[in-house]
Amino acid sequence: MAETFEVSVIIPSYNSEHTIFRCLSALSRQKCRFSYEIILVDSSVDRTPEIVRQHFPGVDYLHLEKKTDPGTARNLGVQRSRGRYILFIDSDCIAPPDWIQRYVELHHRMPEVAGIGGSVVNGNPPEDPIGWAGYMAEFREYIPEQPAAFVPHLPTLNLSYKRWVFDKYGYFDPHFYPQEDLVFNFHLVQQGEKIYFEPSITVKHLHRSNLQAFLKHQVRIGRITSQVLKQIPLSGATIVRRKWLFIIMGPLLPVVKFFRTVKVFLQRNPTILRRHPMAMVILKIGLLYWFWGFTCGVFSEWGESP
């Protein structure tokens, strides 16, 4: 009979040689009274396999021959898992020592909740404005200073579900990468399930430090966001589905996103704005690239690249 665990921690990975050691080291040293397994689903062509096999023989390691998107990797991890609770973290994230323990305790206290997620702190050094721009662009809604609440969505780099969620509702749709978690959570909430944000459960995220990689990622996020809005009725769907309205209103989107981001940090953590003025400049540039991707998504068919 196969061994079962209280928790399955699932990590998607691609070319993670610079971060995977720190990620797995933190997970291997958890102060936790619950049994847990670590499942790494990896399609790397760098030194990641060597690092994992040499330093982490206890990790359940699945190596894929072809580059695999995170949604597909997470699905394979869930199918392979044996835990009552499924915890997701990314290969460029570092969990605190009580990360698993906190999640399980909270799930025990909230049996009616389908998913629980935590906040994100920036793991890049202070002198890395590109990393800080990425943090501001992607995680303003999930900083530790935000209040605990029931929410419609949380990102999968720090997110947990009860196992029955996948048994009942299926898996992530990889066609929506990198917004497959947004779509999955939207359908959960539509079915009446609850997702809870607990900001005191944090992970450190190591952001892209290369400007070209940062801008390319912003284009990808923008494109898939507009295409997702064609499929599901989230905020902004109307402007995407009516091209004439987008032509009139669309150019305001990066301006609105910038000021909303500034507003959040002014209200919740103004120190970040004061300490990283160059990141604000890079954020503005990133939003222009995001808008380019968003525009290409509006005027292209589903699945087309900009």
C-alpha atoms as a PDB file:
ATOM      1  CA  MET A   1       0.000   0.000   0.000  1.00  0.00           C
ATOM      2  CA  ALA A   2       1.386   3.403  -0.988  1.00  0.00           C
ATOM      3  CA  GLU A   3       2.452   5.718   1.806  1.00  0.00           C
ATOM      4  CA  THR A   4       0.194   8.701   2.390  1.00  0.00           C
ATOM      5  CA  PHE A   5       1.075  12.144   3.705  1.00  0.00           C
ATOM      6  CA  GLU A   6      -0.744  15.004   5.336  1.00  0.00           C
ATOM      7  CA  VAL A   7       0.817  17.438   2.842  1.00  0.00           C
ATOM      8  CA  SER A   8       2.147  17.348  -0.708  1.00  0.00           C
ATOM      9  CA  VAL A   9       4.332  20.302  -1.692  1.00  0.00           C
ATOM     10  CA  ILE A  10       4.447  20.693  -5.482  1.00  0.00           C
ATOM     11  CA  ILE A  11       7.025  22.761  -7.360  1.00  0.00           C
ATOM     12  CA  PRO A  12       7.079  23.381 -11.119  1.00  0.00           C
ATOM     13  CA  SER A  13      10.546  24.100 -12.464  1.00  0.00           C
ATOM     14  CA  TYR A  14      12.342  25.110 -15.637  1.00  0.00           C
ATOM     15  CA  ASN A  15      16.044  26.061 -15.702  1.00  0.00           C
ATOM     16  CA  SER A  16      16.123  26.804 -11.979  1.00  0.00           C
ATOM     17  CA  GLU A  17      19.807  26.169 -11.263  1.00  0.00           C
ATOM     18  CA  HIS A  18      20.257  29.582  -9.613  1.00  0.00           C
ATOM     19  CA  THR A  19      17.339  29.238  -7.184  1.00  0.00           C
ATOM     20  CA  ILE A  20      16.428  25.573  -6.726  1.00  0.00           C
ATOM     21  CA  PHE A  21      18.973  24.882  -3.962  1.00  0.00           C
ATOM     22  CA  ARG A  22      17.593  27.643  -1.748  1.00  0.00           C
ATOM     23  CA  CYS A  23      14.010  26.641  -2.509  1.00  0.00           C
ATOM     24  CA  LEU A  24      14.474  22.957  -1.655  1.00  0.00           C
ATOM     25  CA  SER A  25      16.739  23.655   1.325  1.00  0.00           C
ATOM     26  CA  ALA A  26      14.011  25.760   2.930  1.00  0.00           C
ATOM     27  CA  LEU A  27      11.385  23.093   2.293  1.00  0.00           C
ATOM     28  CA  SER A  28      13.619  20.297   3.590  1.00  0.00           C
ATOM     29  CA  ARG A  29      14.162  22.122   6.898  1.00  0.00           C
ATOM     30  CA  GLN A  30      10.527  22.762   7.773  1.00  0.00           C
ATOM     31  CA  LYS A  31       9.610  22.763  11.461  1.00  0.00           C
ATOM     32  CA  CYS A  32       6.457  20.746  11.040  1.00  0.00           C
ATOM     33  CA  ARG A  33       4.756  17.978  12.993  1.00  0.00           C
ATOM     34  CA  PHE A  34       2.828  16.822   9.924  1.00  0.00           C
ATOM     35  CA  SER A  35       4.146  14.339   7.382  1.00  0.00           C
ATOM     36  CA  TYR A  36       4.869  15.845   3.992  1.00  0.00           C
ATOM     37  CA  GLU A  37       6.361  15.014   0.620  1.00  0.00           C
ATOM     38  CA  ILE A  38       8.102  17.338  -1.837  1.00  0.00           C
ATOM     39  CA  ILE A  39       7.353  16.796  -5.526  1.00  0.00           C
ATOM     40  CA  LEU A  40       9.464  18.632  -8.101  1.00  0.00           C
ATOM     41  CA  VAL A  41       8.215  18.528 -11.695  1.00  0.00           C
ATOM     42  CA  ASP A  42      11.098  19.829 -13.771  1.00  0.00           C
ATOM     43  CA  SER A  43      11.878  20.249 -17.463  1.00  0.00           C
ATOM     44  CA  SER A  44      15.234  21.986 -17.087  1.00  0.00           C
ATOM     45  CA  VAL A  45      18.140  21.706 -19.503  1.00  0.00           C
ATOM     46  CA  ASP A  46      20.589  23.441 -17.134  1.00  0.00           C
ATOM     47  CA  ARG A  47      22.207  22.072 -13.944  1.00  0.00           C
ATOM     48  CA  THR A  48      18.928  21.748 -12.025  1.00  0.00           C
ATOM     49  CA  PRO A  49      18.714  17.924 -12.333  1.00  0.00           C
ATOM     50  CA  GLU A  50      22.299  17.543 -11.117  1.00  0.00           C
ATOM     51  CA  ILE A  51      21.698  19.812  -8.105  1.00  0.00           C
ATOM     52  CA  VAL A  52      18.515  18.014  -7.105  1.00  0.00           C
ATOM     53  CA  ARG A  53      19.911  14.493  -7.427  1.00  0.00           C
ATOM     54  CA  GLN A  54      23.115  15.362  -5.595  1.00  0.00           C
ATOM     55  CA  HIS A  55      21.705  17.377  -2.689  1.00  0.00           C
ATOM     56  CA  PHE A  56      18.046  16.341  -2.323  1.00  0.00           C
ATOM     57  CA  PRO A  57      17.662  12.580  -2.787  1.00  0.00           C
ATOM     58  CA  GLY A  58      14.485  12.596  -0.683  1.00  0.00           C
ATOM     59  CA  VAL A  59      12.617  14.795  -3.161  1.00  0.00           C
ATOM     60  CA  ASP A  60      10.172  13.018  -5.464  1.00  0.00           C
ATOM     61  CA  TYR A  61      11.754  14.229  -8.688  1.00  0.00           C
ATOM     62  CA  LEU A  62       9.997  13.990 -12.042  1.00  0.00           C
ATOM     63  CA  HIS A  63      12.121  15.183 -14.953  1.00  0.00           C
ATOM     64  CA  LEU A  64      10.381  15.888 -18.273  1.00  0.00           C
ATOM     65  CA  GLU A  65      12.237  15.824 -21.566  1.00  0.00           C
ATOM     66  CA  LYS A  66      10.393  18.780 -23.121  1.00  0.00           C
ATOM     67  CA  LYS A  67       9.949  22.292 -21.727  1.00  0.00           C
ATOM     68  CA  THR A  68       6.701  22.269 -19.765  1.00  0.00           C
ATOM     69  CA  ASP A  69       4.548  25.192 -18.636  1.00  0.00           C
ATOM     70  CA  PRO A  70       3.909  25.568 -14.884  1.00  0.00           C
ATOM     71  CA  GLY A  71       0.222  24.646 -15.099  1.00  0.00           C
ATOM     72  CA  THR A  72       0.956  21.309 -16.748  1.00  0.00           C
ATOM     73  CA  ALA A  73       3.778  20.657 -14.280  1.00  0.00           C
ATOM     74  CA  ARG A  74       1.487  21.362 -11.330  1.00  0.00           C
ATOM     75  CA  ASN A  75      -1.170  19.064 -12.770  1.00  0.00           C
ATOM     76  CA  LEU A  76       1.371  16.231 -13.050  1.00  0.00           C
ATOM     77  CA  GLY A  77       2.463  16.917  -9.489  1.00  0.00           C
ATOM     78  CA  VAL A  78      -1.094  16.753  -8.161  1.00  0.00           C
ATOM     79  CA  GLN A  79      -1.705  13.480 -10.009  1.00  0.00           C
ATOM     80  CA  ARG A  80       1.481  12.073  -8.480  1.00  0.00           C
ATOM     81  CA  SER A  81       0.783  13.369  -4.967  1.00  0.00           C
ATOM     82  CA  ARG A  82      -0.467  11.488  -1.906  1.00  0.00           C
ATOM     83  CA  GLY A  83      -1.251  14.346   0.470  1.00  0.00           C
ATOM     84  CA  ARG A  84      -4.466  15.517   2.055  1.00  0.00           C
ATOM     85  CA  TYR A  85      -3.436  19.115   1.418  1.00  0.00           C
ATOM     86  CA  ILE A  86      -1.752  20.360  -1.746  1.00  0.00           C
ATOM     87  CA  LEU A  87       0.716  23.235  -1.281  1.00  0.00           C
ATOM     88  CA  PHE A  88       2.164  25.074  -4.257  1.00  0.00           C
ATOM     89  CA  ILE A  89       5.369  27.077  -4.340  1.00  0.00           C
ATOM     90  CA  ASP A  90       7.609  28.104  -7.240  1.00  0.00           C
ATOM     91  CA  SER A  91      11.226  27.113  -7.761  1.00  0.00           C
ATOM     92  CA  ASP A  92      12.309  30.747  -7.360  1.00  0.00           C
ATOM     93  CA  CYS A  93      10.656  31.105  -3.948  1.00  0.00           C
ATOM     94  CA  ILE A  94      11.903  30.536  -0.407  1.00  0.00           C
ATOM     95  CA  ALA A  95       9.512  29.436   2.337  1.00  0.00           C
ATOM     96  CA  PRO A  96       9.971  30.257   6.039  1.00  0.00           C
ATOM     97  CA  PRO A  97      10.516  27.326   8.473  1.00  0.00           C
ATOM     98  CA  ASP A  98       6.890  27.248   9.660  1.00  0.00           C
ATOM     99  CA  TRP A  99       5.327  27.515   6.198  1.00  0.00           C
ATOM    100  CA  ILE A 100       3.807  24.023   6.021  1.00  0.00           C
ATOM    101  CA  GLN A 101       2.783  24.005   9.673  1.00  0.00           C
ATOM    102  CA  ARG A 102       0.937  27.316   9.339  1.00  0.00           C
ATOM    103  CA  TYR A 103      -0.977  26.174   6.276  1.00  0.00           C
ATOM    104  CA  VAL A 104      -2.127  22.883   7.773  1.00  0.00           C
ATOM    105  CA  GLU A 105      -3.233  24.514  11.021  1.00  0.00           C
ATOM    106  CA  LEU A 106      -5.229  27.123   9.118  1.00  0.00           C
ATOM    107  CA  HIS A 107      -6.873  24.492   6.928  1.00  0.00           C
ATOM    108  CA  HIS A 108      -7.862  22.592  10.079  1.00  0.00           C
ATOM    109  CA  ARG A 109      -9.465  25.736  11.479  1.00  0.00           C
ATOM    110  CA  MET A 110     -11.223  26.566   8.202  1.00  0.00           C
ATOM    111  CA  PRO A 111     -12.603  23.255   6.875  1.00  0.00           C
ATOM    112  CA  GLU A 112     -15.121  25.030   4.642  1.00  0.00           C
ATOM    113  CA  VAL A 113     -12.441  26.869   2.641  1.00  0.00           C
ATOM    114  CA  ALA A 114     -11.228  25.334  -0.634  1.00  0.00           C
ATOM    115  CA  GLY A 115      -7.998  27.296  -0.926  1.00  0.00           C
ATOM    116  CA  ILE A 116      -5.738  29.369   1.305  1.00  0.00           C
ATOM    117  CA  GLY A 117      -2.885  31.526   0.093  1.00  0.00           C
ATOM    118  CA  GLY A 118      -0.348  33.883   1.541  1.00  0.00           C
ATOM    119  CA  SER A 119       1.614  37.004   0.720  1.00  0.00           C
ATOM    120  CA  VAL A 120       4.776  37.640  -1.271  1.00  0.00           C
ATOM    121  CA  VAL A 121       7.868  39.547  -0.232  1.00  0.00           C
ATOM    122  CA  ASN A 122      10.627  40.523  -2.618  1.00  0.00           C
ATOM    123  CA  GLY A 123      13.748  38.408  -2.248  1.00  0.00           C
ATOM    124  CA  ASN A 124      15.881  40.557  -4.555  1.00  0.00           C
ATOM    125  CA  PRO A 125      18.575  42.804  -3.056  1.00  0.00           C
ATOM    126  CA  PRO A 126      17.810  46.504  -2.485  1.00  0.00           C
ATOM    127  CA  GLU A 127      20.153  47.546  -5.299  1.00  0.00           C
ATOM    128  CA  ASP A 128      18.176  45.594  -7.936  1.00  0.00           C
ATOM    129  CA  PRO A 129      15.605  48.032  -9.397  1.00  0.00           C
ATOM    130  CA  ILE A 130      14.458  45.564 -12.073  1.00  0.00           C
ATOM    131  CA  GLY A 131      13.554  43.007  -9.432  1.00  0.00           C
ATOM    132  CA  TRP A 132      11.695  45.621  -7.428  1.00  0.00           C
ATOM    133  CA  ALA A 133       9.822  46.786 -10.528  1.00  0.00           C
ATOM    134  CA  GLY A 134       8.726  43.193 -11.126  1.00  0.00           C
ATOM    135  CA  TYR A 135       7.548  42.912  -7.544  1.00  0.00           C
ATOM    136  CA  MET A 136       5.496  46.109  -7.802  1.00  0.00           C
ATOM    137  CA  ALA A 137       4.051  45.134 -11.184  1.00  0.00           C
ATOM    138  CA  GLU A 138       2.861  41.657 -10.189  1.00  0.00           C
ATOM    139  CA  PHE A 139       2.241  41.461  -6.458  1.00  0.00           C
ATOM    140  CA  ARG A 140       0.761  44.719  -5.209  1.00  0.00           C
ATOM    141  CA  GLU A 141      -2.416  42.887  -4.125  1.00  0.00           C
ATOM    142  CA  TYR A 142      -0.467  40.236  -2.221  1.00  0.00           C
ATOM    143  CA  ILE A 143       2.012  42.199  -0.130  1.00  0.00           C
ATOM    144  CA  PRO A 144       2.123  41.332   3.604  1.00  0.00           C
ATOM    145  CA  GLU A 145       0.557  44.661   4.538  1.00  0.00           C
ATOM    146  CA  GLN A 146      -2.718  43.802   2.786  1.00  0.00           C
ATOM    147  CA  PRO A 147      -5.544  42.683   5.116  1.00  0.00           C
ATOM    148  CA  ALA A 148      -6.645  39.072   5.546  1.00  0.00           C
ATOM    149  CA  ALA A 149      -9.832  38.446   3.564  1.00  0.00           C
ATOM    150  CA  PHE A 150     -11.788  36.140   1.313  1.00  0.00           C
ATOM    151  CA  VAL A 151     -10.629  36.910  -2.231  1.00  0.00           C
ATOM    152  CA  PRO A 152     -11.415  35.810  -5.804  1.00  0.00           C
ATOM    153  CA  HIS A 153      -7.844  34.880  -6.653  1.00  0.00           C
ATOM    154  CA  LEU A 154      -4.380  34.162  -5.271  1.00  0.00           C
ATOM    155  CA  PRO A 155      -1.209  33.283  -7.217  1.00  0.00           C
ATOM    156  CA  THR A 156       0.146  29.739  -7.089  1.00  0.00           C
ATOM    157  CA  LEU A 157       3.655  30.650  -5.925  1.00  0.00           C
ATOM    158  CA  ASN A 158       2.198  30.641  -2.364  1.00  0.00           C
ATOM    159  CA  LEU A 159      -1.107  28.807  -2.400  1.00  0.00           C
ATOM    160  CA  SER A 160      -2.712  25.691  -0.948  1.00  0.00           C
ATOM    161  CA  TYR A 161      -5.835  23.666  -1.642  1.00  0.00           C
ATOM    162  CA  LYS A 162      -7.607  20.780  -0.018  1.00  0.00           C
ATOM    163  CA  ARG A 163      -7.146  17.706  -2.149  1.00  0.00           C
ATOM    164  CA  TRP A 164     -10.844  17.296  -2.870  1.00  0.00           C
ATOM    165  CA  VAL A 165     -10.744  20.510  -4.910  1.00  0.00           C
ATOM    166  CA  PHE A 166      -8.860  18.731  -7.716  1.00  0.00           C
ATOM    167  CA  ASP A 167     -10.899  15.551  -7.362  1.00  0.00           C
ATOM    168  CA  LYS A 168     -14.085  17.600  -7.814  1.00  0.00           C
ATOM    169  CA  TYR A 169     -13.083  20.346 -10.262  1.00  0.00           C
ATOM    170  CA  GLY A 170     -10.182  18.982 -12.239  1.00  0.00           C
ATOM    171  CA  TYR A 171      -6.896  20.726 -12.973  1.00  0.00           C
ATOM    172  CA  PHE A 172      -5.265  23.902 -14.296  1.00  0.00           C
ATOM    173  CA  ASP A 173      -5.810  24.681 -17.966  1.00  0.00           C
ATOM    174  CA  PRO A 174      -2.298  25.232 -19.396  1.00  0.00           C
ATOM    175  CA  HIS A 175      -3.657  27.141 -22.397  1.00  0.00           C
ATOM    176  CA  PHE A 176      -4.084  30.151 -20.113  1.00  0.00           C
ATOM    177  CA  TYR A 177      -0.413  30.340 -19.007  1.00  0.00           C
ATOM    178  CA  PRO A 178       0.650  32.497 -17.189  1.00  0.00           C
ATOM    179  CA  GLN A 179      -2.911  33.141 -15.950  1.00  0.00           C
ATOM    180  CA  GLU A 180      -4.010  29.521 -15.544  1.00  0.00           C
ATOM    181  CA  ASP A 181      -4.320  29.967 -11.778  1.00  0.00           C
ATOM    182  CA  LEU A 182      -6.556  33.020 -12.281  1.00  0.00           C
ATOM    183  CA  VAL A 183      -8.914  31.012 -14.485  1.00  0.00           C
ATOM    184  CA  PHE A 184      -8.921  28.025 -12.123  1.00  0.00           C
ATOM    185  CA  ASN A 185      -9.764  30.176  -9.117  1.00  0.00           C
ATOM    186  CA  PHE A 186     -12.432  32.075 -11.046  1.00  0.00           C
ATOM    187  CA  HIS A 187     -14.263  28.820 -11.724  1.00  0.00           C
ATOM    188  CA  LEU A 188     -13.915  27.747  -8.086  1.00  0.00           C
ATOM    189  CA  VAL A 189     -15.498  30.964  -6.851  1.00  0.00           C
ATOM    190  CA  GLN A 190     -18.212  30.688  -9.508  1.00  0.00           C
ATOM    191  CA  GLN A 191     -19.075  27.305  -8.006  1.00  0.00           C
ATOM    192  CA  GLY A 192     -19.455  28.878  -4.563  1.00  0.00           C
ATOM    193  CA  GLU A 193     -16.091  27.809  -3.143  1.00  0.00           C
ATOM    194  CA  LYS A 194     -14.064  30.113  -0.888  1.00  0.00           C
ATOM    195  CA  ILE A 195     -10.448  31.261  -1.191  1.00  0.00           C
ATOM    196  CA  TYR A 196      -8.826  32.929   1.808  1.00  0.00           C
ATOM    197  CA  PHE A 197      -5.843  35.282   1.885  1.00  0.00           C
ATOM    198  CA  GLU A 198      -3.685  35.100   5.023  1.00  0.00           C
ATOM    199  CA  PRO A 199      -0.922  37.708   4.621  1.00  0.00           C
ATOM    200  CA  SER A 200       1.142  36.465   7.575  1.00  0.00           C
ATOM    201  CA  ILE A 201       2.045  33.309   5.606  1.00  0.00           C
ATOM    202  CA  THR A 202       4.780  34.641   3.364  1.00  0.00           C
ATOM    203  CA  VAL A 203       7.293  33.455   0.789  1.00  0.00           C
ATOM    204  CA  LYS A 204      10.265  35.301  -0.649  1.00  0.00           C
ATOM    205  CA  HIS A 205      10.133  35.527  -4.417  1.00  0.00           C
ATOM    206  CA  LEU A 206      13.295  36.022  -6.482  1.00  0.00           C
ATOM    207  CA  HIS A 207      12.303  38.205  -9.419  1.00  0.00           C
ATOM    208  CA  ARG A 208      13.863  38.600 -12.851  1.00  0.00           C
ATOM    209  CA  SER A 209      16.897  40.881 -12.710  1.00  0.00           C
ATOM    210  CA  ASN A 210      17.459  41.090 -16.450  1.00  0.00           C
ATOM    211  CA  LEU A 211      15.655  43.972 -18.154  1.00  0.00           C
ATOM    212  CA  GLN A 212      14.994  42.074 -21.376  1.00  0.00           C
ATOM    213  CA  ALA A 213      13.524  39.112 -19.481  1.00  0.00           C
ATOM    214  CA  PHE A 214      11.372  41.443 -17.367  1.00  0.00           C
ATOM    215  CA  LEU A 215       9.975  43.247 -20.417  1.00  0.00           C
ATOM    216  CA  LYS A 216       9.360  40.018 -22.300  1.00  0.00           C
ATOM    217  CA  HIS A 217       7.416  38.674 -19.329  1.00  0.00           C
ATOM    218  CA  GLN A 218       5.314  41.845 -19.185  1.00  0.00           C
ATOM    219  CA  VAL A 219       4.376  41.407 -22.850  1.00  0.00           C
ATOM    220  CA  ARG A 220       3.386  37.797 -22.174  1.00  0.00           C
ATOM    221  CA  ILE A 221       1.259  38.745 -19.162  1.00  0.00           C
ATOM    222  CA  GLY A 222      -0.453  41.547 -21.085  1.00  0.00           C
ATOM    223  CA  ARG A 223      -1.281  39.342 -24.058  1.00  0.00           C
ATOM    224  CA  ILE A 224      -2.725  36.453 -22.074  1.00  0.00           C
ATOM    225  CA  THR A 225      -4.631  38.813 -19.762  1.00  0.00           C
ATOM    226  CA  SER A 226      -6.604  40.330 -22.634  1.00  0.00           C
ATOM    227  CA  GLN A 227      -7.222  36.919 -24.165  1.00  0.00           C
ATOM    228  CA  VAL A 228      -8.422  35.546 -20.834  1.00  0.00           C
ATOM    229  CA  LEU A 229     -10.814  38.489 -20.541  1.00  0.00           C
ATOM    230  CA  LYS A 230     -12.362  37.418 -23.839  1.00  0.00           C
ATOM    231  CA  GLN A 231     -13.197  34.087 -22.228  1.00  0.00           C
ATOM    232  CA  ILE A 232     -14.336  34.941 -18.707  1.00  0.00           C
ATOM    233  CA  PRO A 233     -16.246  37.982 -17.374  1.00  0.00           C
ATOM    234  CA  LEU A 234     -13.657  39.546 -15.076  1.00  0.00           C
ATOM    235  CA  SER A 235     -13.112  43.263 -14.576  1.00  0.00           C
ATOM    236  CA  GLY A 236     -12.042  44.769 -17.891  1.00  0.00           C
ATOM    237  CA  ALA A 237     -13.787  42.198 -20.067  1.00  0.00           C
ATOM    238  CA  THR A 238     -16.103  44.778 -21.645  1.00  0.00           C
ATOM    239  CA  ILE A 239     -13.279  46.908 -23.013  1.00  0.00           C
ATOM    240  CA  VAL A 240     -11.554  43.844 -24.464  1.00  0.00           C
ATOM    241  CA  ARG A 241     -14.654  42.455 -26.154  1.00  0.00           C
ATOM    242  CA  ARG A 242     -15.528  45.733 -27.866  1.00  0.00           C
ATOM    243  CA  LYS A 243     -12.592  46.785 -30.022  1.00  0.00           C
ATOM    244  CA  TRP A 244     -14.023  50.248 -30.681  1.00  0.00           C
ATOM    245  CA  LEU A 245     -14.182  50.841 -26.935  1.00  0.00           C
ATOM    246  CA  PHE A 246     -10.626  49.570 -26.509  1.00  0.00           C
ATOM    247  CA  ILE A 247      -9.377  51.990 -29.178  1.00  0.00           C
ATOM    248  CA  ILE A 248     -10.882  54.862 -27.167  1.00  0.00           C
ATOM    249  CA  MET A 249     -10.152  53.691 -23.610  1.00  0.00           C
ATOM    250  CA  GLY A 250      -7.230  51.299 -24.030  1.00  0.00           C
ATOM    251  CA  PRO A 251      -4.374  53.834 -23.944  1.00  0.00           C
ATOM    252  CA  LEU A 252      -5.456  54.784 -20.413  1.00  0.00           C
ATOM    253  CA  LEU A 253      -4.851  51.268 -19.064  1.00  0.00           C
ATOM    254  CA  PRO A 254      -1.098  51.537 -18.300  1.00  0.00           C
ATOM    255  CA  VAL A 255      -1.708  54.916 -16.645  1.00  0.00           C
ATOM    256  CA  VAL A 256      -4.478  53.461 -14.489  1.00  0.00           C
ATOM    257  CA  LYS A 257      -2.347  50.429 -13.551  1.00  0.00           C
ATOM    258  CA  PHE A 258       0.586  52.658 -12.605  1.00  0.00           C
ATOM    259  CA  PHE A 259      -1.429  54.912 -10.328  1.00  0.00           C
ATOM    260  CA  ARG A 260      -3.268  51.980  -8.739  1.00  0.00           C
ATOM    261  CA  THR A 261       0.091  50.394  -7.976  1.00  0.00           C
ATOM    262  CA  VAL A 262       1.457  53.609  -6.491  1.00  0.00           C
ATOM    263  CA  LYS A 263      -1.710  54.039  -4.434  1.00  0.00           C
ATOM    264  CA  VAL A 264      -1.425  50.564  -2.920  1.00  0.00           C
ATOM    265  CA  PHE A 265       2.176  51.080  -1.866  1.00  0.00           C
ATOM    266  CA  LEU A 266       1.513  54.578  -0.584  1.00  0.00           C
ATOM    267  CA  GLN A 267      -1.259  53.223   1.609  1.00  0.00           C
ATOM    268  CA  ARG A 268       0.345  49.951   2.677  1.00  0.00           C
ATOM    269  CA  ASN A 269       4.129  50.348   2.482  1.00  0.00           C
ATOM    270  CA  PRO A 270       5.350  53.772   1.287  1.00  0.00           C
ATOM    271  CA  THR A 271       8.924  52.923   2.311  1.00  0.00           C
ATOM    272  CA  ILE A 272       9.273  50.788  -0.811  1.00  0.00           C
ATOM    273  CA  LEU A 273       8.479  53.762  -3.040  1.00  0.00           C
ATOM    274  CA  ARG A 274      10.959  56.006  -1.221  1.00  0.00           C
ATOM    275  CA  ARG A 275      13.775  53.481  -1.331  1.00  0.00           C
ATOM    276  CA  HIS A 276      13.371  52.375  -4.951  1.00  0.00           C
ATOM    277  CA  PRO A 277      12.749  55.410  -7.206  1.00  0.00           C
ATOM    278  CA  MET A 278      14.531  53.785 -10.150  1.00  0.00           C
ATOM    279  CA  ALA A 279      12.173  50.820  -9.906  1.00  0.00           C
ATOM    280  CA  MET A 280       9.298  53.220 -10.533  1.00  0.00           C
ATOM    281  CA  VAL A 281      10.900  54.281 -13.822  1.00  0.00           C
ATOM    282  CA  ILE A 282      11.374  50.657 -14.879  1.00  0.00           C
ATOM    283  CA  LEU A 283       7.797  49.899 -13.819  1.00  0.00           C
ATOM    284  CA  LYS A 284       6.534  52.595 -16.199  1.00  0.00           C
ATOM    285  CA  ILE A 285       8.520  51.072 -19.055  1.00  0.00           C
ATOM    286  CA  GLY A 286       7.267  47.612 -18.122  1.00  0.00           C
ATOM    287  CA  LEU A 287       3.663  48.798 -18.236  1.00  0.00           C
ATOM    288  CA  LEU A 288       4.164  50.060 -21.779  1.00  0.00           C
ATOM    289  CA  TYR A 289       5.369  46.613 -22.771  1.00  0.00           C
ATOM    290  CA  TRP A 290       2.450  45.076 -20.864  1.00  0.00           C
ATOM    291  CA  PHE A 291       0.102  47.304 -22.855  1.00  0.00           C
ATOM    292  CA  TRP A 292       1.711  46.233 -26.127  1.00  0.00           C
ATOM    293  CA  GLY A 293       1.067  42.606 -25.228  1.00  0.00           C
ATOM    294  CA  PHE A 294      -2.452  43.435 -24.054  1.00  0.00           C
ATOM    295  CA  THR A 295      -3.208  45.209 -27.338  1.00  0.00           C
ATOM    296  CA  CYS A 296      -1.877  42.285 -29.385  1.00  0.00           C
ATOM    297  CA  GLY A 297      -4.129  39.977 -27.386  1.00  0.00           C
ATOM    298  CA  VAL A 298      -7.173  42.150 -28.061  1.00  0.00           C
ATOM    299  CA  PHE A 299      -6.642  42.080 -31.823  1.00  0.00           C
ATOM    300  CA  SER A 300      -5.489  38.470 -32.183  1.00  0.00           C
ATOM    301  CA  GLU A 301      -7.301  35.175 -32.062  1.00  0.00           C
ATOM    302  CA  TRP A 302      -6.966  32.871 -29.090  1.00  0.00           C
ATOM    303  CA  GLY A 303      -3.489  31.358 -28.811  1.00  0.00           C
ATOM    304  CA  GLU A 304      -1.802  33.625 -31.359  1.00  0.00           C
ATOM    305  CA  SER A 305       1.481  35.180 -30.314  1.00  0.00           C
ATOM    306  CA  PRO A 306       1.979  38.942 -30.552  1.00  0.00           C
END
